[in-house]
N, C-alpha and C. Protein backbone atom coordinates (compact mmCIF):
# COMPACT_ATOMS: atom_id res chain seq x y z
N MET A 1 59.47 -3.82 -79.86
CA MET A 1 59.99 -2.54 -79.42
C MET A 1 58.95 -1.66 -78.98
N LYS A 2 58.98 -0.98 -77.64
CA LYS A 2 58.05 -0.31 -77.14
C LYS A 2 58.13 1.03 -77.95
N ARG A 3 56.73 1.47 -77.75
CA ARG A 3 56.37 3.03 -78.44
C ARG A 3 56.30 3.91 -77.22
N TYR A 4 56.78 4.98 -77.37
CA TYR A 4 56.79 6.05 -76.39
C TYR A 4 56.08 7.34 -76.60
N ALA A 5 55.42 8.02 -75.72
CA ALA A 5 54.68 9.14 -75.99
C ALA A 5 55.09 10.20 -74.85
N THR A 6 54.94 11.49 -75.30
CA THR A 6 55.30 12.47 -74.10
C THR A 6 54.01 13.19 -73.78
N ILE A 7 53.91 13.40 -72.45
CA ILE A 7 52.84 14.00 -71.85
C ILE A 7 53.28 15.49 -71.19
N SER A 8 52.63 16.43 -71.59
CA SER A 8 53.08 17.94 -71.04
C SER A 8 52.01 18.03 -69.49
N VAL A 9 53.05 18.21 -68.45
CA VAL A 9 52.27 18.54 -67.33
C VAL A 9 53.24 19.52 -66.87
N PRO A 10 52.62 20.39 -65.66
CA PRO A 10 53.19 21.62 -65.09
C PRO A 10 54.44 21.10 -64.48
N VAL A 11 55.68 21.89 -64.49
CA VAL A 11 56.79 21.61 -63.85
C VAL A 11 56.64 21.08 -62.27
N GLU A 12 55.72 21.75 -61.56
CA GLU A 12 55.48 21.29 -60.32
C GLU A 12 54.73 19.87 -60.12
N VAL A 13 54.07 19.50 -60.99
CA VAL A 13 53.49 18.21 -60.97
C VAL A 13 54.40 17.35 -61.20
N LYS A 14 55.42 17.40 -62.27
CA LYS A 14 56.46 16.53 -62.59
C LYS A 14 57.29 16.18 -61.34
N GLU A 15 57.74 17.27 -60.79
CA GLU A 15 58.74 17.31 -59.73
C GLU A 15 58.06 16.42 -58.67
N ALA A 16 56.71 16.67 -58.18
CA ALA A 16 56.21 15.97 -56.98
C ALA A 16 56.05 14.36 -57.42
N LEU A 17 55.85 14.16 -58.81
CA LEU A 17 55.73 12.69 -59.22
C LEU A 17 57.09 12.06 -59.26
N GLU A 18 58.17 12.81 -59.52
CA GLU A 18 59.55 12.18 -59.65
C GLU A 18 59.96 11.96 -58.20
N LYS A 19 59.64 12.63 -57.20
CA LYS A 19 59.91 12.45 -55.86
C LYS A 19 59.08 10.90 -55.57
N ALA A 20 57.91 10.88 -55.73
CA ALA A 20 57.27 9.83 -55.48
C ALA A 20 57.52 8.44 -56.11
N LYS A 21 58.06 8.84 -57.36
CA LYS A 21 58.56 7.33 -57.96
C LYS A 21 59.77 6.82 -57.59
N GLY A 22 60.68 7.65 -57.28
CA GLY A 22 62.19 7.35 -57.08
C GLY A 22 62.78 6.82 -58.22
N ALA A 23 63.35 5.73 -58.12
CA ALA A 23 63.99 5.02 -59.32
C ALA A 23 63.23 4.24 -60.44
N GLU A 24 61.77 4.22 -59.83
CA GLU A 24 60.97 3.30 -60.77
C GLU A 24 60.74 3.95 -62.03
N GLU A 25 60.69 3.09 -63.13
CA GLU A 25 60.40 3.61 -64.47
C GLU A 25 59.09 4.31 -64.51
N TRP A 26 59.05 5.20 -65.37
CA TRP A 26 57.60 6.06 -65.20
C TRP A 26 56.32 5.22 -65.78
N GLY A 27 56.53 4.32 -66.79
CA GLY A 27 55.52 3.42 -67.21
C GLY A 27 54.84 2.77 -66.08
N ASP A 28 55.90 2.25 -65.25
CA ASP A 28 55.45 1.24 -64.28
C ASP A 28 54.89 2.08 -63.03
N PHE A 29 55.39 3.22 -62.93
CA PHE A 29 54.86 4.03 -61.61
C PHE A 29 53.46 4.43 -62.04
N LEU A 30 53.31 4.79 -63.24
CA LEU A 30 52.01 5.48 -63.54
C LEU A 30 50.88 4.57 -63.61
N LEU A 31 51.39 3.16 -64.13
CA LEU A 31 50.32 2.30 -64.12
C LEU A 31 50.15 1.71 -62.73
N LYS A 32 50.89 1.86 -61.75
CA LYS A 32 50.74 1.48 -60.44
C LYS A 32 49.74 2.38 -59.80
N LEU A 33 49.95 3.57 -59.97
CA LEU A 33 49.23 4.79 -59.46
C LEU A 33 47.64 4.54 -60.03
N TYR A 34 47.52 4.21 -61.34
CA TYR A 34 46.25 4.00 -61.95
C TYR A 34 45.63 2.86 -61.33
N SER A 35 46.14 1.84 -61.03
CA SER A 35 45.70 0.59 -60.49
C SER A 35 45.04 0.92 -59.02
N GLU A 36 45.92 1.55 -58.36
CA GLU A 36 45.62 2.00 -56.93
C GLU A 36 44.36 2.83 -56.89
N VAL A 37 44.28 3.97 -57.84
CA VAL A 37 43.14 4.80 -57.78
C VAL A 37 41.93 3.92 -58.26
N GLU A 38 42.10 2.94 -59.18
CA GLU A 38 40.72 2.36 -59.57
C GLU A 38 40.48 1.09 -58.49
N ARG A 39 41.35 0.65 -57.54
CA ARG A 39 41.09 -0.22 -56.53
C ARG A 39 40.18 0.59 -55.54
N LEU A 40 40.89 1.80 -55.10
CA LEU A 40 40.12 2.72 -54.10
C LEU A 40 38.79 2.99 -54.39
N LYS A 41 38.47 3.25 -55.66
CA LYS A 41 37.35 3.70 -56.38
C LYS A 41 36.26 2.55 -56.08
N GLY A 42 36.73 1.33 -56.40
CA GLY A 42 36.03 0.15 -56.21
C GLY A 42 35.62 -0.03 -54.70
N GLU A 43 36.71 0.09 -53.94
CA GLU A 43 36.21 0.13 -52.50
C GLU A 43 35.35 1.07 -51.95
N ARG A 44 35.39 2.20 -52.47
CA ARG A 44 34.58 3.23 -52.03
C ARG A 44 33.04 3.11 -52.35
N ALA A 45 33.08 2.54 -53.82
CA ALA A 45 31.57 2.29 -54.30
C ALA A 45 31.06 1.04 -53.43
N PHE A 46 31.84 0.15 -53.02
CA PHE A 46 31.32 -0.98 -52.29
C PHE A 46 30.90 -0.47 -50.86
N ARG A 47 31.62 0.33 -50.33
CA ARG A 47 31.47 1.01 -48.84
C ARG A 47 29.94 1.73 -49.09
N GLN A 48 29.94 2.43 -49.96
CA GLN A 48 28.77 3.36 -50.40
C GLN A 48 27.51 2.47 -50.43
N LEU A 49 27.74 1.30 -51.19
CA LEU A 49 26.56 0.33 -51.58
C LEU A 49 26.19 -0.45 -50.33
N ALA A 50 26.98 -0.97 -49.57
CA ALA A 50 26.79 -1.62 -48.12
C ALA A 50 26.20 -0.64 -47.12
N GLU A 51 26.43 0.86 -47.17
CA GLU A 51 25.77 1.55 -46.46
C GLU A 51 24.11 1.78 -46.78
N LEU A 52 23.86 1.48 -48.04
CA LEU A 52 22.44 1.91 -48.61
C LEU A 52 21.68 0.55 -48.41
N LEU A 53 22.56 -0.67 -48.58
CA LEU A 53 21.67 -2.03 -48.40
C LEU A 53 21.76 -2.43 -47.05
N SER A 54 20.57 -3.05 -46.60
CA SER A 54 20.33 -3.80 -45.45
C SER A 54 20.95 -5.27 -45.46
N LEU A 55 21.21 -5.83 -44.69
CA LEU A 55 21.67 -7.20 -44.55
C LEU A 55 20.76 -8.16 -45.33
N SER A 56 19.26 -7.86 -45.24
CA SER A 56 18.34 -8.78 -45.86
C SER A 56 18.51 -8.29 -47.44
N ASP A 57 18.83 -6.88 -47.85
CA ASP A 57 18.96 -6.78 -49.26
C ASP A 57 20.33 -7.57 -49.81
N LEU A 58 21.32 -7.62 -48.91
CA LEU A 58 22.52 -8.31 -49.40
C LEU A 58 22.39 -9.51 -49.46
N GLU A 59 21.60 -10.25 -48.48
CA GLU A 59 21.36 -11.81 -48.63
C GLU A 59 20.61 -11.96 -49.84
N GLY A 60 19.69 -11.23 -50.15
CA GLY A 60 18.76 -11.39 -51.27
C GLY A 60 19.64 -11.32 -52.66
N ILE A 61 20.38 -10.34 -52.62
CA ILE A 61 21.20 -10.29 -53.90
C ILE A 61 22.08 -11.51 -54.13
N ALA A 62 22.85 -11.94 -52.94
CA ALA A 62 23.55 -13.01 -53.09
C ALA A 62 22.77 -14.38 -53.49
N GLU A 63 21.62 -14.63 -52.93
CA GLU A 63 20.76 -15.67 -53.26
C GLU A 63 20.40 -15.64 -54.78
N SER A 64 19.95 -14.54 -55.11
CA SER A 64 19.60 -14.25 -56.59
C SER A 64 20.95 -14.42 -57.46
N SER A 65 22.00 -14.11 -57.22
CA SER A 65 23.45 -14.20 -57.84
C SER A 65 23.67 -15.97 -57.91
N ARG A 66 23.25 -16.61 -56.86
CA ARG A 66 23.53 -18.13 -56.60
C ARG A 66 22.65 -18.72 -57.58
N ARG A 67 21.31 -18.33 -57.63
CA ARG A 67 20.23 -18.92 -58.55
C ARG A 67 20.72 -18.66 -60.18
N PHE A 68 21.03 -17.55 -60.34
CA PHE A 68 21.39 -17.08 -61.80
C PHE A 68 22.47 -18.04 -62.15
N ARG A 69 23.74 -18.26 -61.13
CA ARG A 69 24.73 -19.04 -61.75
C ARG A 69 24.41 -20.59 -61.85
N GLU A 70 23.59 -20.92 -61.02
CA GLU A 70 23.05 -22.47 -61.07
C GLU A 70 22.36 -22.64 -62.41
N GLY A 71 21.45 -21.48 -62.90
CA GLY A 71 20.53 -21.94 -63.98
C GLY A 71 21.36 -21.20 -65.39
N PHE A 72 22.51 -20.86 -65.12
CA PHE A 72 23.11 -20.20 -66.28
C PHE A 72 23.90 -21.41 -67.13
N SER A 73 23.52 -21.35 -68.33
CA SER A 73 24.48 -22.29 -69.28
C SER A 73 24.64 -21.63 -70.82
N LEU A 74 25.63 -22.08 -71.33
CA LEU A 74 26.13 -21.37 -72.63
C LEU A 74 25.52 -22.12 -74.02
N GLY A 75 24.84 -23.16 -73.58
CA GLY A 75 24.55 -24.02 -74.75
C GLY A 75 23.17 -24.58 -74.68
């Protein structure tokens, strides 16, 4: 059995979210919003990092990662 919690938000926020969610369940809708925000944060961080690093830097990171994976063992 699922457990439920109540979250207090201003009426205006709830009305805006209700319009966006439509017939979708609150839990599914909020998890989808959260996932999308996390995905966008990752994309933004990647773009910012790509702007800071040169192609040579990126190639060096890729090579270092490849060497690490080849030399890594659990036992």
